[in-house]
């Protein structure tokens, strides 16, 4: 008789876990389906693409053609964002500290306005 009770308990726990998983997955999907949230995310994505393009253009003007530019975004639970712009190029690696600092300042001027955001540059 103990074996049947154990199997019934296992089945009940399994059903509860499946229900909780379905409930929370549905809530997450509904949150992402909110049109206002979707519009805001699309606006941020467009800004991020523009930033990466502007950094590439600036670097080409400075003589660093074919640079690798990567914009990485992190969104915290409170909605604040932090961005890291990483630039890869052999000639940049060979710049002295003064040259890197000047280039970082020029790239920093391209960042878009975001009150709840922070930016960092990696050369």
PDB file of N, CA and C in Angstrom:
ATOM      1  N   UNK A   1       0.817  -1.185   0.000  1.00  0.00           N
ATOM      2  CA  UNK A   1       0.000   0.000   0.000  1.00  0.00           C
ATOM      3  C   UNK A   1       0.874   1.267   0.000  1.00  0.00           C
ATOM      4  N   UNK A   2       2.024   1.211   0.646  1.00  0.00           N
ATOM      5  CA  UNK A   2       2.907   2.373   0.681  1.00  0.00           C
ATOM      6  C   UNK A   2       3.396   2.746  -0.705  1.00  0.00           C
ATOM      7  N   UNK A   3       3.610   1.788  -1.528  1.00  0.00           N
ATOM      8  CA  UNK A   3       4.096   2.054  -2.881  1.00  0.00           C
ATOM      9  C   UNK A   3       3.081   2.867  -3.676  1.00  0.00           C
ATOM     10  N   UNK A   4       1.786   2.576  -3.564  1.00  0.00           N
ATOM     11  CA  UNK A   4       0.757   3.315  -4.292  1.00  0.00           C
ATOM     12  C   UNK A   4       0.682   4.754  -3.799  1.00  0.00           C
ATOM     13  N   UNK A   5       0.799   4.961  -2.502  1.00  0.00           N
ATOM     14  CA  UNK A   5       0.768   6.301  -1.942  1.00  0.00           C
ATOM     15  C   UNK A   5       1.974   7.095  -2.430  1.00  0.00           C
ATOM     16  N   UNK A   6       3.124   6.478  -2.480  1.00  0.00           N
ATOM     17  CA  UNK A   6       4.340   7.141  -2.965  1.00  0.00           C
ATOM     18  C   UNK A   6       4.208   7.548  -4.413  1.00  0.00           C
ATOM     19  N   UNK A   7       3.646   6.692  -5.238  1.00  0.00           N
ATOM     20  CA  UNK A   7       3.461   6.996  -6.663  1.00  0.00           C
ATOM     21  C   UNK A   7       2.421   8.107  -6.839  1.00  0.00           C
ATOM     22  N   UNK A   8       1.372   8.085  -6.044  1.00  0.00           N
ATOM     23  CA  UNK A   8       0.342   9.119  -6.141  1.00  0.00           C
ATOM     24  C   UNK A   8       0.921  10.471  -5.721  1.00  0.00           C
ATOM     25  N   UNK A   9       1.721  10.490  -4.684  1.00  0.00           N
ATOM     26  CA  UNK A   9       2.367  11.730  -4.235  1.00  0.00           C
ATOM     27  C   UNK A   9       3.322  12.274  -5.294  1.00  0.00           C
ATOM     28  N   UNK A  10       4.076  11.374  -5.902  1.00  0.00           N
ATOM     29  CA  UNK A  10       5.002  11.770  -6.960  1.00  0.00           C
ATOM     30  C   UNK A  10       4.233  12.376  -8.139  1.00  0.00           C
ATOM     31  N   UNK A  11       3.132  11.730  -8.514  1.00  0.00           N
ATOM     32  CA  UNK A  11       2.317  12.215  -9.629  1.00  0.00           C
ATOM     33  C   UNK A  11       1.721  13.590  -9.292  1.00  0.00           C
ATOM     34  N   UNK A  12       1.259  13.769  -8.053  1.00  0.00           N
ATOM     35  CA  UNK A  12       0.671  15.050  -7.646  1.00  0.00           C
ATOM     36  C   UNK A  12       1.715  16.164  -7.689  1.00  0.00           C
ATOM     37  N   UNK A  13       2.909  15.899  -7.207  1.00  0.00           N
ATOM     38  CA  UNK A  13       3.981  16.891  -7.218  1.00  0.00           C
ATOM     39  C   UNK A  13       4.363  17.234  -8.663  1.00  0.00           C
ATOM     40  N   UNK A  14       4.410  16.231  -9.504  1.00  0.00           N
ATOM     41  CA  UNK A  14       4.754  16.458 -10.916  1.00  0.00           C
ATOM     42  C   UNK A  14       3.714  17.342 -11.593  1.00  0.00           C
ATOM     43  N   UNK A  15       2.447  17.077 -11.354  1.00  0.00           N
ATOM     44  CA  UNK A  15       1.370  17.876 -11.944  1.00  0.00           C
ATOM     45  C   UNK A  15       1.456  19.317 -11.445  1.00  0.00           C
ATOM     46  N   UNK A  16       1.705  19.512 -10.160  1.00  0.00           N
ATOM     47  CA  UNK A  16       1.836  20.860  -9.615  1.00  0.00           C
ATOM     48  C   UNK A  16       3.007  21.621 -10.247  1.00  0.00           C
ATOM     49  N   UNK A  17       4.131  20.951 -10.401  1.00  0.00           N
ATOM     50  CA  UNK A  17       5.288  21.598 -11.019  1.00  0.00           C
ATOM     51  C   UNK A  17       5.002  22.000 -12.462  1.00  0.00           C
ATOM     52  N   UNK A  18       4.318  21.142 -13.193  1.00  0.00           N
ATOM     53  CA  UNK A  18       3.965  21.465 -14.579  1.00  0.00           C
ATOM     54  C   UNK A  18       3.015  22.660 -14.617  1.00  0.00           C
ATOM     55  N   UNK A  19       2.050  22.710 -13.722  1.00  0.00           N
ATOM     56  CA  UNK A  19       1.112  23.835 -13.678  1.00  0.00           C
ATOM     57  C   UNK A  19       1.813  25.149 -13.339  1.00  0.00           C
ATOM     58  N   UNK A  20       2.705  25.114 -12.339  1.00  0.00           N
ATOM     59  CA  UNK A  20       3.454  26.320 -11.979  1.00  0.00           C
ATOM     60  C   UNK A  20       4.321  26.787 -13.145  1.00  0.00           C
ATOM     61  N   UNK A  21       4.967  25.865 -13.811  1.00  0.00           N
ATOM     62  CA  UNK A  21       5.813  26.222 -14.951  1.00  0.00           C
ATOM     63  C   UNK A  21       4.981  26.879 -16.046  1.00  0.00           C
ATOM     64  N   UNK A  22       3.826  26.302 -16.353  1.00  0.00           N
ATOM     65  CA  UNK A  22       2.961  26.870 -17.386  1.00  0.00           C
ATOM     66  C   UNK A  22       2.461  28.255 -16.978  1.00  0.00           C
ATOM     67  N   UNK A  23       2.108  28.422 -15.724  1.00  0.00           N
ATOM     68  CA  UNK A  23       1.613  29.706 -15.236  1.00  0.00           C
ATOM     69  C   UNK A  23       2.675  30.793 -15.361  1.00  0.00           C
ATOM     70  N   UNK A  24       3.883  30.522 -14.877  1.00  0.00           N
ATOM     71  CA  UNK A  24       4.934  31.531 -14.903  1.00  0.00           C
ATOM     72  C   UNK A  24       5.429  31.795 -16.309  1.00  0.00           C
ATOM     73  N   UNK A  25       5.481  30.792 -17.160  1.00  0.00           N
ATOM     74  CA  UNK A  25       5.889  31.005 -18.552  1.00  0.00           C
ATOM     75  C   UNK A  25       4.851  31.882 -19.255  1.00  0.00           C
ATOM     76  N   UNK A  26       3.596  31.668 -18.972  1.00  0.00           N
ATOM     77  CA  UNK A  26       2.537  32.488 -19.569  1.00  0.00           C
ATOM     78  C   UNK A  26       2.619  33.933 -19.126  1.00  0.00           C
ATOM     79  N   UNK A  27       2.899  34.163 -17.847  1.00  0.00           N
ATOM     80  CA  UNK A  27       3.030  35.533 -17.335  1.00  0.00           C
ATOM     81  C   UNK A  27       4.205  36.243 -18.008  1.00  0.00           C
ATOM     82  N   UNK A  28       5.318  35.542 -18.185  1.00  0.00           N
ATOM     83  CA  UNK A  28       6.481  36.132 -18.844  1.00  0.00           C
ATOM     84  C   UNK A  28       6.143  36.481 -20.286  1.00  0.00           C
ATOM     85  N   UNK A  29       5.464  35.602 -20.973  1.00  0.00           N
ATOM     86  CA  UNK A  29       5.095  35.859 -22.367  1.00  0.00           C
ATOM     87  C   UNK A  29       4.128  37.034 -22.456  1.00  0.00           C
ATOM     88  N   UNK A  30       3.187  37.149 -21.525  1.00  0.00           N
ATOM     89  CA  UNK A  30       2.240  38.262 -21.558  1.00  0.00           C
ATOM     90  C   UNK A  30       2.953  39.577 -21.310  1.00  0.00           C
ATOM     91  N   UNK A  31       3.932  39.577 -20.423  1.00  0.00           N
ATOM     92  CA  UNK A  31       4.681  40.794 -20.136  1.00  0.00           C
ATOM     93  C   UNK A  31       5.419  41.258 -21.389  1.00  0.00           C
ATOM     94  N   UNK A  32       6.014  40.336 -22.109  1.00  0.00           N
ATOM     95  CA  UNK A  32       6.752  40.690 -23.318  1.00  0.00           C
ATOM     96  C   UNK A  32       5.821  41.077 -24.457  1.00  0.00           C
ATOM     97  N   UNK A  33       4.570  40.661 -24.377  1.00  0.00           N
ATOM     98  CA  UNK A  33       3.621  40.977 -25.440  1.00  0.00           C
ATOM     99  C   UNK A  33       3.029  42.376 -25.275  1.00  0.00           C
ATOM    100  N   UNK A  34       3.292  43.041 -24.164  1.00  0.00           N
ATOM    101  CA  UNK A  34       2.777  44.379 -23.919  1.00  0.00           C
ATOM    102  C   UNK A  34       3.304  45.329 -25.002  1.00  0.00           C
ATOM    103  N   UNK A  35       2.422  45.987 -25.743  1.00  0.00           N
ATOM    104  CA  UNK A  35       2.856  46.844 -26.847  1.00  0.00           C
ATOM    105  C   UNK A  35       3.796  47.973 -26.422  1.00  0.00           C
ATOM    106  N   UNK A  36       3.565  48.549 -25.266  1.00  0.00           N
ATOM    107  CA  UNK A  36       4.434  49.638 -24.808  1.00  0.00           C
ATOM    108  C   UNK A  36       5.850  49.129 -24.553  1.00  0.00           C
ATOM    109  N   UNK A  37       5.956  47.962 -23.950  1.00  0.00           N
ATOM    110  CA  UNK A  37       7.268  47.375 -23.678  1.00  0.00           C
ATOM    111  C   UNK A  37       7.957  47.045 -25.000  1.00  0.00           C
ATOM    112  N   UNK A  38       7.208  46.474 -25.923  1.00  0.00           N
ATOM    113  CA  UNK A  38       7.765  46.094 -27.219  1.00  0.00           C
ATOM    114  C   UNK A  38       8.270  47.337 -27.971  1.00  0.00           C
ATOM    115  N   UNK A  39       7.491  48.415 -27.958  1.00  0.00           N
ATOM    116  CA  UNK A  39       7.899  49.648 -28.633  1.00  0.00           C
ATOM    117  C   UNK A  39       9.172  50.224 -28.019  1.00  0.00           C
ATOM    118  N   UNK A  40       9.224  50.229 -26.691  1.00  0.00           N
ATOM    119  CA  UNK A  40      10.406  50.761 -26.005  1.00  0.00           C
ATOM    120  C   UNK A  40      11.643  49.930 -26.345  1.00  0.00           C
ATOM    121  N   UNK A  41      11.493  48.597 -26.353  1.00  0.00           N
ATOM    122  CA  UNK A  41      12.621  47.724 -26.677  1.00  0.00           C
ATOM    123  C   UNK A  41      13.085  47.937 -28.116  1.00  0.00           C
ATOM    124  N   UNK A  42      12.137  48.095 -29.037  1.00  0.00           N
ATOM    125  CA  UNK A  42      12.500  48.335 -30.434  1.00  0.00           C
ATOM    126  C   UNK A  42      13.230  49.663 -30.586  1.00  0.00           C
ATOM    127  N   UNK A  43      12.806  50.674 -29.825  1.00  0.00           N
ATOM    128  CA  UNK A  43      13.479  51.977 -29.875  1.00  0.00           C
ATOM    129  C   UNK A  43      14.911  51.859 -29.360  1.00  0.00           C
ATOM    130  N   UNK A  44      15.103  51.114 -28.271  1.00  0.00           N
ATOM    131  CA  UNK A  44      16.460  50.908 -27.749  1.00  0.00           C
ATOM    132  C   UNK A  44      17.317  50.136 -28.748  1.00  0.00           C
ATOM    133  N   UNK A  45      16.747  49.111 -29.375  1.00  0.00           N
ATOM    134  CA  UNK A  45      17.509  48.336 -30.356  1.00  0.00           C
ATOM    135  C   UNK A  45      17.961  49.222 -31.516  1.00  0.00           C
ATOM    136  N   UNK A  46      17.087  50.097 -31.968  1.00  0.00           N
ATOM    137  CA  UNK A  46      17.448  51.012 -33.056  1.00  0.00           C
ATOM    138  C   UNK A  46      18.568  51.950 -32.618  1.00  0.00           C
ATOM    139  N   UNK A  47      18.477  52.483 -31.410  1.00  0.00           N
ATOM    140  CA  UNK A  47      19.546  53.353 -30.888  1.00  0.00           C
ATOM    141  C   UNK A  47      20.872  52.606 -30.811  1.00  0.00           C
ATOM    142  N   UNK A  48      20.816  51.349 -30.373  1.00  0.00           N
ATOM    143  CA  UNK A  48      22.039  50.550 -30.255  1.00  0.00           C
ATOM    144  C   UNK A  48      22.658  50.300 -31.621  1.00  0.00           C
ATOM    145  N   UNK A  49      21.838  50.003 -32.619  1.00  0.00           N
ATOM    146  CA  UNK A  49      22.356  49.807 -33.983  1.00  0.00           C
ATOM    147  C   UNK A  49      22.988  51.104 -34.507  1.00  0.00           C
ATOM    148  N   UNK A  50      22.313  52.222 -34.254  1.00  0.00           N
ATOM    149  CA  UNK A  50      22.851  53.513 -34.692  1.00  0.00           C
ATOM    150  C   UNK A  50      24.178  53.807 -34.003  1.00  0.00           C
ATOM    151  N   UNK A  51      24.277  53.486 -32.725  1.00  0.00           N
ATOM    152  CA  UNK A  51      25.521  53.702 -31.987  1.00  0.00           C
ATOM    153  C   UNK A  51      26.653  52.890 -32.597  1.00  0.00           C
ATOM    154  N   UNK A  52      26.415  51.609 -32.854  1.00  0.00           N
ATOM    155  CA  UNK A  52      27.454  50.756 -33.439  1.00  0.00           C
ATOM    156  C   UNK A  52      27.877  51.302 -34.806  1.00  0.00           C
ATOM    157  N   UNK A  53      26.907  51.733 -35.617  1.00  0.00           N
ATOM    158  CA  UNK A  53      27.234  52.292 -36.929  1.00  0.00           C
ATOM    159  C   UNK A  53      28.023  53.582 -36.822  1.00  0.00           C
ATOM    160  N   UNK A  54      27.644  54.446 -35.885  1.00  0.00           N
ATOM    161  CA  UNK A  54      28.354  55.718 -35.700  1.00  0.00           C
ATOM    162  C   UNK A  54      29.787  55.481 -35.230  1.00  0.00           C
ATOM    163  N   UNK A  55      29.986  54.496 -34.359  1.00  0.00           N
ATOM    164  CA  UNK A  55      31.339  54.177 -33.888  1.00  0.00           C
ATOM    165  C   UNK A  55      32.178  53.671 -35.060  1.00  0.00           C
ATOM    166  N   UNK A  56      31.600  52.818 -35.892  1.00  0.00           N
ATOM    167  CA  UNK A  56      32.336  52.309 -37.064  1.00  0.00           C
ATOM    168  C   UNK A  56      32.724  53.455 -38.010  1.00  0.00           C
ATOM    169  N   UNK A  57      31.782  54.369 -38.258  1.00  0.00           N
ATOM    170  CA  UNK A  57      32.070  55.510 -39.131  1.00  0.00           C
ATOM    171  C   UNK A  57      33.197  56.369 -38.566  1.00  0.00           C
ATOM    172  N   UNK A  58      33.130  56.648 -37.270  1.00  0.00           N
ATOM    173  CA  UNK A  58      34.165  57.451 -36.631  1.00  0.00           C
ATOM    174  C   UNK A  58      35.528  56.780 -36.763  1.00  0.00           C
ATOM    175  N   UNK A  59      35.564  55.487 -36.511  1.00  0.00           N
ATOM    176  CA  UNK A  59      36.837  54.770 -36.580  1.00  0.00           C
ATOM    177  C   UNK A  59      37.386  54.739 -38.004  1.00  0.00           C
ATOM    178  N   UNK A  60      36.508  54.611 -38.987  1.00  0.00           N
ATOM    179  CA  UNK A  60      36.965  54.656 -40.374  1.00  0.00           C
ATOM    180  C   UNK A  60      37.541  56.026 -40.709  1.00  0.00           C
ATOM    181  N   UNK A  61      36.898  57.082 -40.217  1.00  0.00           N
ATOM    182  CA  UNK A  61      37.417  58.441 -40.433  1.00  0.00           C
ATOM    183  C   UNK A  61      38.786  58.626 -39.780  1.00  0.00           C
ATOM    184  N   UNK A  62      38.994  57.937 -38.670  1.00  0.00           N
ATOM    185  CA  UNK A  62      40.268  58.033 -37.950  1.00  0.00           C
ATOM    186  C   UNK A  62      41.334  57.108 -38.541  1.00  0.00           C
ATOM    187  N   UNK A  63      40.974  56.356 -39.578  1.00  0.00           N
ATOM    188  CA  UNK A  63      41.945  55.490 -40.240  1.00  0.00           C
ATOM    189  C   UNK A  63      41.956  54.055 -39.745  1.00  0.00           C
ATOM    190  N   UNK A  64      40.946  53.659 -39.006  1.00  0.00           N
ATOM    191  CA  UNK A  64      40.854  52.291 -38.502  1.00  0.00           C
ATOM    192  C   UNK A  64      39.740  51.555 -39.245  1.00  0.00           C
ATOM    193  N   UNK A  65      40.020  51.200 -40.502  1.00  0.00           N
ATOM    194  CA  UNK A  65      39.007  50.513 -41.312  1.00  0.00           C
ATOM    195  C   UNK A  65      38.843  49.077 -40.828  1.00  0.00           C
ATOM    196  N   UNK A  66      37.671  48.535 -41.043  1.00  0.00           N
ATOM    197  CA  UNK A  66      37.358  47.141 -40.711  1.00  0.00           C
ATOM    198  C   UNK A  66      37.560  46.813 -39.230  1.00  0.00           C
ATOM    199  N   UNK A  67      37.130  47.707 -38.372  1.00  0.00           N
ATOM    200  CA  UNK A  67      37.187  47.460 -36.925  1.00  0.00           C
ATOM    201  C   UNK A  67      36.052  46.539 -36.519  1.00  0.00           C
ATOM    202  N   UNK A  68      36.307  45.760 -35.507  1.00  0.00           N
ATOM    203  CA  UNK A  68      35.243  44.992 -34.879  1.00  0.00           C
ATOM    204  C   UNK A  68      34.622  45.845 -33.788  1.00  0.00           C
ATOM    205  N   UNK A  69      33.337  46.122 -33.908  1.00  0.00           N
ATOM    206  CA  UNK A  69      32.630  46.935 -32.907  1.00  0.00           C
ATOM    207  C   UNK A  69      31.489  46.099 -32.358  1.00  0.00           C
ATOM    208  N   UNK A  70      31.456  45.961 -31.048  1.00  0.00           N
ATOM    209  CA  UNK A  70      30.403  45.185 -30.415  1.00  0.00           C
ATOM    210  C   UNK A  70      29.789  46.008 -29.285  1.00  0.00           C
ATOM    211  N   UNK A  71      28.472  46.161 -29.336  1.00  0.00           N
ATOM    212  CA  UNK A  71      27.736  46.866 -28.283  1.00  0.00           C
ATOM    213  C   UNK A  71      26.998  45.802 -27.477  1.00  0.00           C
ATOM    214  N   UNK A  72      27.329  45.697 -26.205  1.00  0.00           N
ATOM    215  CA  UNK A  72      26.704  44.720 -25.316  1.00  0.00           C
ATOM    216  C   UNK A  72      25.823  45.455 -24.323  1.00  0.00           C
ATOM    217  N   UNK A  73      24.587  44.985 -24.194  1.00  0.00           N
ATOM    218  CA  UNK A  73      23.613  45.623 -23.311  1.00  0.00           C
ATOM    219  C   UNK A  73      23.301  44.687 -22.146  1.00  0.00           C
ATOM    220  N   UNK A  74      23.189  45.255 -20.952  1.00  0.00           N
ATOM    221  CA  UNK A  74      22.727  44.529 -19.779  1.00  0.00           C
ATOM    222  C   UNK A  74      21.575  45.324 -19.181  1.00  0.00           C
ATOM    223  N   UNK A  75      20.434  44.657 -18.971  1.00  0.00           N
ATOM    224  CA  UNK A  75      19.268  45.320 -18.391  1.00  0.00           C
ATOM    225  C   UNK A  75      19.042  44.743 -16.997  1.00  0.00           C
ATOM    226  N   UNK A  76      19.073  45.606 -15.991  1.00  0.00           N
ATOM    227  CA  UNK A  76      18.844  45.181 -14.614  1.00  0.00           C
ATOM    228  C   UNK A  76      17.351  45.040 -14.343  1.00  0.00           C
ATOM    229  N   UNK A  77      17.017  44.445 -13.223  1.00  0.00           N
ATOM    230  CA  UNK A  77      15.619  44.209 -12.864  1.00  0.00           C
ATOM    231  C   UNK A  77      14.830  45.515 -12.741  1.00  0.00           C
ATOM    232  N   UNK A  78      15.496  46.596 -12.349  1.00  0.00           N
ATOM    233  CA  UNK A  78      14.798  47.873 -12.202  1.00  0.00           C
ATOM    234  C   UNK A  78      14.655  48.617 -13.531  1.00  0.00           C
ATOM    235  N   UNK A  79      15.144  48.027 -14.619  1.00  0.00           N
ATOM    236  CA  UNK A  79      15.013  48.635 -15.933  1.00  0.00           C
ATOM    237  C   UNK A  79      16.212  49.457 -16.363  1.00  0.00           C
ATOM    238  N   UNK A  80      17.160  49.683 -15.454  1.00  0.00           N
ATOM    239  CA  UNK A  80      18.346  50.444 -15.838  1.00  0.00           C
ATOM    240  C   UNK A  80      19.213  49.594 -16.764  1.00  0.00           C
ATOM    241  N   UNK A  81      19.897  50.282 -17.660  1.00  0.00           N
ATOM    242  CA  UNK A  81      20.691  49.600 -18.671  1.00  0.00           C
ATOM    243  C   UNK A  81      22.146  50.022 -18.552  1.00  0.00           C
ATOM    244  N   UNK A  82      23.020  49.087 -18.845  1.00  0.00           N
ATOM    245  CA  UNK A  82      24.434  49.427 -18.957  1.00  0.00           C
ATOM    246  C   UNK A  82      24.921  48.885 -20.296  1.00  0.00           C
ATOM    247  N   UNK A  83      25.728  49.691 -20.954  1.00  0.00           N
ATOM    248  CA  UNK A  83      26.244  49.348 -22.273  1.00  0.00           C
ATOM    249  C   UNK A  83      27.754  49.284 -22.228  1.00  0.00           C
ATOM    250  N   UNK A  84      28.300  48.326 -22.945  1.00  0.00           N
ATOM    251  CA  UNK A  84      29.746  48.208 -23.095  1.00  0.00           C
ATOM    252  C   UNK A  84      30.039  48.196 -24.582  1.00  0.00           C
ATOM    253  N   UNK A  85      30.840  49.141 -25.029  1.00  0.00           N
ATOM    254  CA  UNK A  85      31.240  49.201 -26.430  1.00  0.00           C
ATOM    255  C   UNK A  85      32.667  48.686 -26.506  1.00  0.00           C
ATOM    256  N   UNK A  86      32.855  47.565 -27.186  1.00  0.00           N
ATOM    257  CA  UNK A  86      34.180  46.971 -27.346  1.00  0.00           C
ATOM    258  C   UNK A  86      34.626  47.159 -28.795  1.00  0.00           C
ATOM    259  N   UNK A  87      35.848  47.636 -28.963  1.00  0.00           N
ATOM    260  CA  UNK A  87      36.405  47.873 -30.286  1.00  0.00           C
ATOM    261  C   UNK A  87      37.666  47.038 -30.429  1.00  0.00           C
ATOM    262  N   UNK A  88      37.755  46.337 -31.554  1.00  0.00           N
ATOM    263  CA  UNK A  88      38.910  45.465 -31.800  1.00  0.00           C
ATOM    264  C   UNK A  88      39.575  45.853 -33.113  1.00  0.00           C
ATOM    265  N   UNK A  89      40.869  46.170 -33.034  1.00  0.00           N
ATOM    266  CA  UNK A  89      41.656  46.477 -34.225  1.00  0.00           C
ATOM    267  C   UNK A  89      43.125  46.424 -33.819  1.00  0.00           C
ATOM    268  N   UNK A  90      43.956  45.831 -34.656  1.00  0.00           N
ATOM    269  CA  UNK A  90      45.379  45.686 -34.302  1.00  0.00           C
ATOM    270  C   UNK A  90      46.060  47.028 -34.086  1.00  0.00           C
ATOM    271  N   UNK A  91      45.721  48.017 -34.925  1.00  0.00           N
ATOM    272  CA  UNK A  91      46.379  49.320 -34.788  1.00  0.00           C
ATOM    273  C   UNK A  91      45.955  50.024 -33.505  1.00  0.00           C
ATOM    274  N   UNK A  92      44.729  49.805 -33.056  1.00  0.00           N
ATOM    275  CA  UNK A  92      44.294  50.405 -31.789  1.00  0.00           C
ATOM    276  C   UNK A  92      45.051  49.772 -30.634  1.00  0.00           C
ATOM    277  N   UNK A  93      45.310  48.472 -30.744  1.00  0.00           N
ATOM    278  CA  UNK A  93      46.075  47.785 -29.702  1.00  0.00           C
ATOM    279  C   UNK A  93      47.465  48.380 -29.545  1.00  0.00           C
ATOM    280  N   UNK A  94      48.011  48.937 -30.621  1.00  0.00           N
ATOM    281  CA  UNK A  94      49.374  49.494 -30.587  1.00  0.00           C
ATOM    282  C   UNK A  94      49.424  50.973 -30.188  1.00  0.00           C
ATOM    283  N   UNK A  95      48.250  51.603 -30.004  1.00  0.00           N
ATOM    284  CA  UNK A  95      48.238  53.012 -29.596  1.00  0.00           C
ATOM    285  C   UNK A  95      48.768  53.176 -28.176  1.00  0.00           C
ATOM    286  N   UNK A  96      49.380  54.330 -27.916  1.00  0.00           N
ATOM    287  CA  UNK A  96      49.799  54.621 -26.540  1.00  0.00           C
ATOM    288  C   UNK A  96      48.576  55.040 -25.722  1.00  0.00           C
ATOM    289  N   UNK A  97      48.756  55.225 -24.438  1.00  0.00           N
ATOM    290  CA  UNK A  97      47.643  55.564 -23.542  1.00  0.00           C
ATOM    291  C   UNK A  97      46.952  56.864 -23.950  1.00  0.00           C
ATOM    292  N   UNK A  98      47.725  57.843 -24.386  1.00  0.00           N
ATOM    293  CA  UNK A  98      47.161  59.132 -24.780  1.00  0.00           C
ATOM    294  C   UNK A  98      46.272  58.962 -26.016  1.00  0.00           C
ATOM    295  N   UNK A  99      46.718  58.185 -26.971  1.00  0.00           N
ATOM    296  CA  UNK A  99      45.945  57.946 -28.186  1.00  0.00           C
ATOM    297  C   UNK A  99      44.654  57.190 -27.894  1.00  0.00           C
ATOM    298  N   UNK A 100      44.746  56.196 -27.013  1.00  0.00           N
ATOM    299  CA  UNK A 100      43.548  55.442 -26.621  1.00  0.00           C
ATOM    300  C   UNK A 100      42.553  56.338 -25.886  1.00  0.00           C
ATOM    301  N   UNK A 101      43.066  57.176 -25.015  1.00  0.00           N
ATOM    302  CA  UNK A 101      42.200  58.075 -24.247  1.00  0.00           C
ATOM    303  C   UNK A 101      41.475  59.050 -25.174  1.00  0.00           C
ATOM    304  N   UNK A 102      42.180  59.607 -26.139  1.00  0.00           N
ATOM    305  CA  UNK A 102      41.581  60.531 -27.095  1.00  0.00           C
ATOM    306  C   UNK A 102      40.494  59.826 -27.907  1.00  0.00           C
ATOM    307  N   UNK A 103      40.791  58.603 -28.356  1.00  0.00           N
ATOM    308  CA  UNK A 103      39.826  57.842 -29.143  1.00  0.00           C
ATOM    309  C   UNK A 103      38.598  57.478 -28.297  1.00  0.00           C
ATOM    310  N   UNK A 104      38.817  57.121 -27.041  1.00  0.00           N
ATOM    311  CA  UNK A 104      37.696  56.796 -26.146  1.00  0.00           C
ATOM    312  C   UNK A 104      36.814  58.017 -25.914  1.00  0.00           C
ATOM    313  N   UNK A 105      37.420  59.199 -25.787  1.00  0.00           N
ATOM    314  CA  UNK A 105      36.634  60.430 -25.611  1.00  0.00           C
ATOM    315  C   UNK A 105      35.771  60.713 -26.834  1.00  0.00           C
ATOM    316  N   UNK A 106      36.342  60.491 -28.013  1.00  0.00           N
ATOM    317  CA  UNK A 106      35.578  60.722 -29.241  1.00  0.00           C
ATOM    318  C   UNK A 106      34.414  59.741 -29.347  1.00  0.00           C
ATOM    319  N   UNK A 107      34.653  58.502 -28.991  1.00  0.00           N
ATOM    320  CA  UNK A 107      33.581  57.503 -29.019  1.00  0.00           C
ATOM    321  C   UNK A 107      32.525  57.846 -27.975  1.00  0.00           C
ATOM    322  N   UNK A 108      32.952  58.311 -26.809  1.00  0.00           N
ATOM    323  CA  UNK A 108      32.026  58.681 -25.738  1.00  0.00           C
ATOM    324  C   UNK A 108      31.065  59.789 -26.137  1.00  0.00           C
ATOM    325  N   UNK A 109      31.473  60.638 -27.056  1.00  0.00           N
ATOM    326  CA  UNK A 109      30.593  61.724 -27.526  1.00  0.00           C
ATOM    327  C   UNK A 109      29.435  61.187 -28.364  1.00  0.00           C
ATOM    328  N   UNK A 110      29.527  59.962 -28.819  1.00  0.00           N
ATOM    329  CA  UNK A 110      28.495  59.383 -29.677  1.00  0.00           C
ATOM    330  C   UNK A 110      27.363  58.729 -28.891  1.00  0.00           C
ATOM    331  N   UNK A 111      27.542  58.526 -27.592  1.00  0.00           N
ATOM    332  CA  UNK A 111      26.538  57.815 -26.795  1.00  0.00           C
ATOM    333  C   UNK A 111      25.227  58.579 -26.767  1.00  0.00           C
ATOM    334  N   UNK A 112      24.131  57.847 -26.803  1.00  0.00           N
ATOM    335  CA  UNK A 112      22.817  58.471 -26.777  1.00  0.00           C
ATOM    336  C   UNK A 112      22.393  58.759 -25.339  1.00  0.00           C
ATOM    337  N   UNK A 113      21.420  59.662 -25.206  1.00  0.00           N
ATOM    338  CA  UNK A 113      20.916  60.052 -23.891  1.00  0.00           C
ATOM    339  C   UNK A 113      20.085  58.922 -23.286  1.00  0.00           C
ATOM    340  N   UNK A 114      20.402  58.552 -22.075  1.00  0.00           N
ATOM    341  CA  UNK A 114      19.618  57.560 -21.341  1.00  0.00           C
ATOM    342  C   UNK A 114      19.854  57.805 -19.860  1.00  0.00           C
ATOM    343  N   UNK A 115      18.822  58.372 -19.185  1.00  0.00           N
ATOM    344  CA  UNK A 115      18.969  58.741 -17.778  1.00  0.00           C
ATOM    345  C   UNK A 115      19.275  57.533 -16.900  1.00  0.00           C
ATOM    346  N   UNK A 116      18.688  56.389 -17.231  1.00  0.00           N
ATOM    347  CA  UNK A 116      18.871  55.206 -16.387  1.00  0.00           C
ATOM    348  C   UNK A 116      19.959  54.290 -16.938  1.00  0.00           C
ATOM    349  N   UNK A 117      20.853  54.811 -17.760  1.00  0.00           N
ATOM    350  CA  UNK A 117      21.857  53.963 -18.378  1.00  0.00           C
ATOM    351  C   UNK A 117      23.273  54.427 -18.087  1.00  0.00           C
ATOM    352  N   UNK A 118      24.195  53.516 -18.272  1.00  0.00           N
ATOM    353  CA  UNK A 118      25.613  53.845 -18.139  1.00  0.00           C
ATOM    354  C   UNK A 118      26.358  53.205 -19.312  1.00  0.00           C
ATOM    355  N   UNK A 119      27.486  53.801 -19.671  1.00  0.00           N
ATOM    356  CA  UNK A 119      28.255  53.356 -20.814  1.00  0.00           C
ATOM    357  C   UNK A 119      29.702  53.149 -20.416  1.00  0.00           C
ATOM    358  N   UNK A 120      30.326  52.171 -21.044  1.00  0.00           N
ATOM    359  CA  UNK A 120      31.773  51.975 -20.866  1.00  0.00           C
ATOM    360  C   UNK A 120      32.365  51.595 -22.214  1.00  0.00           C
ATOM    361  N   UNK A 121      33.664  51.867 -22.356  1.00  0.00           N
ATOM    362  CA  UNK A 121      34.348  51.626 -23.618  1.00  0.00           C
ATOM    363  C   UNK A 121      35.538  50.715 -23.344  1.00  0.00           C
ATOM    364  N   UNK A 122      35.713  49.745 -24.209  1.00  0.00           N
ATOM    365  CA  UNK A 122      36.861  48.841 -24.115  1.00  0.00           C
ATOM    366  C   UNK A 122      37.602  48.891 -25.443  1.00  0.00           C
ATOM    367  N   UNK A 123      38.833  49.398 -25.399  1.00  0.00           N
ATOM    368  CA  UNK A 123      39.654  49.468 -26.608  1.00  0.00           C
ATOM    369  C   UNK A 123      40.764  48.441 -26.547  1.00  0.00           C
TER     370      UNK A 123
END
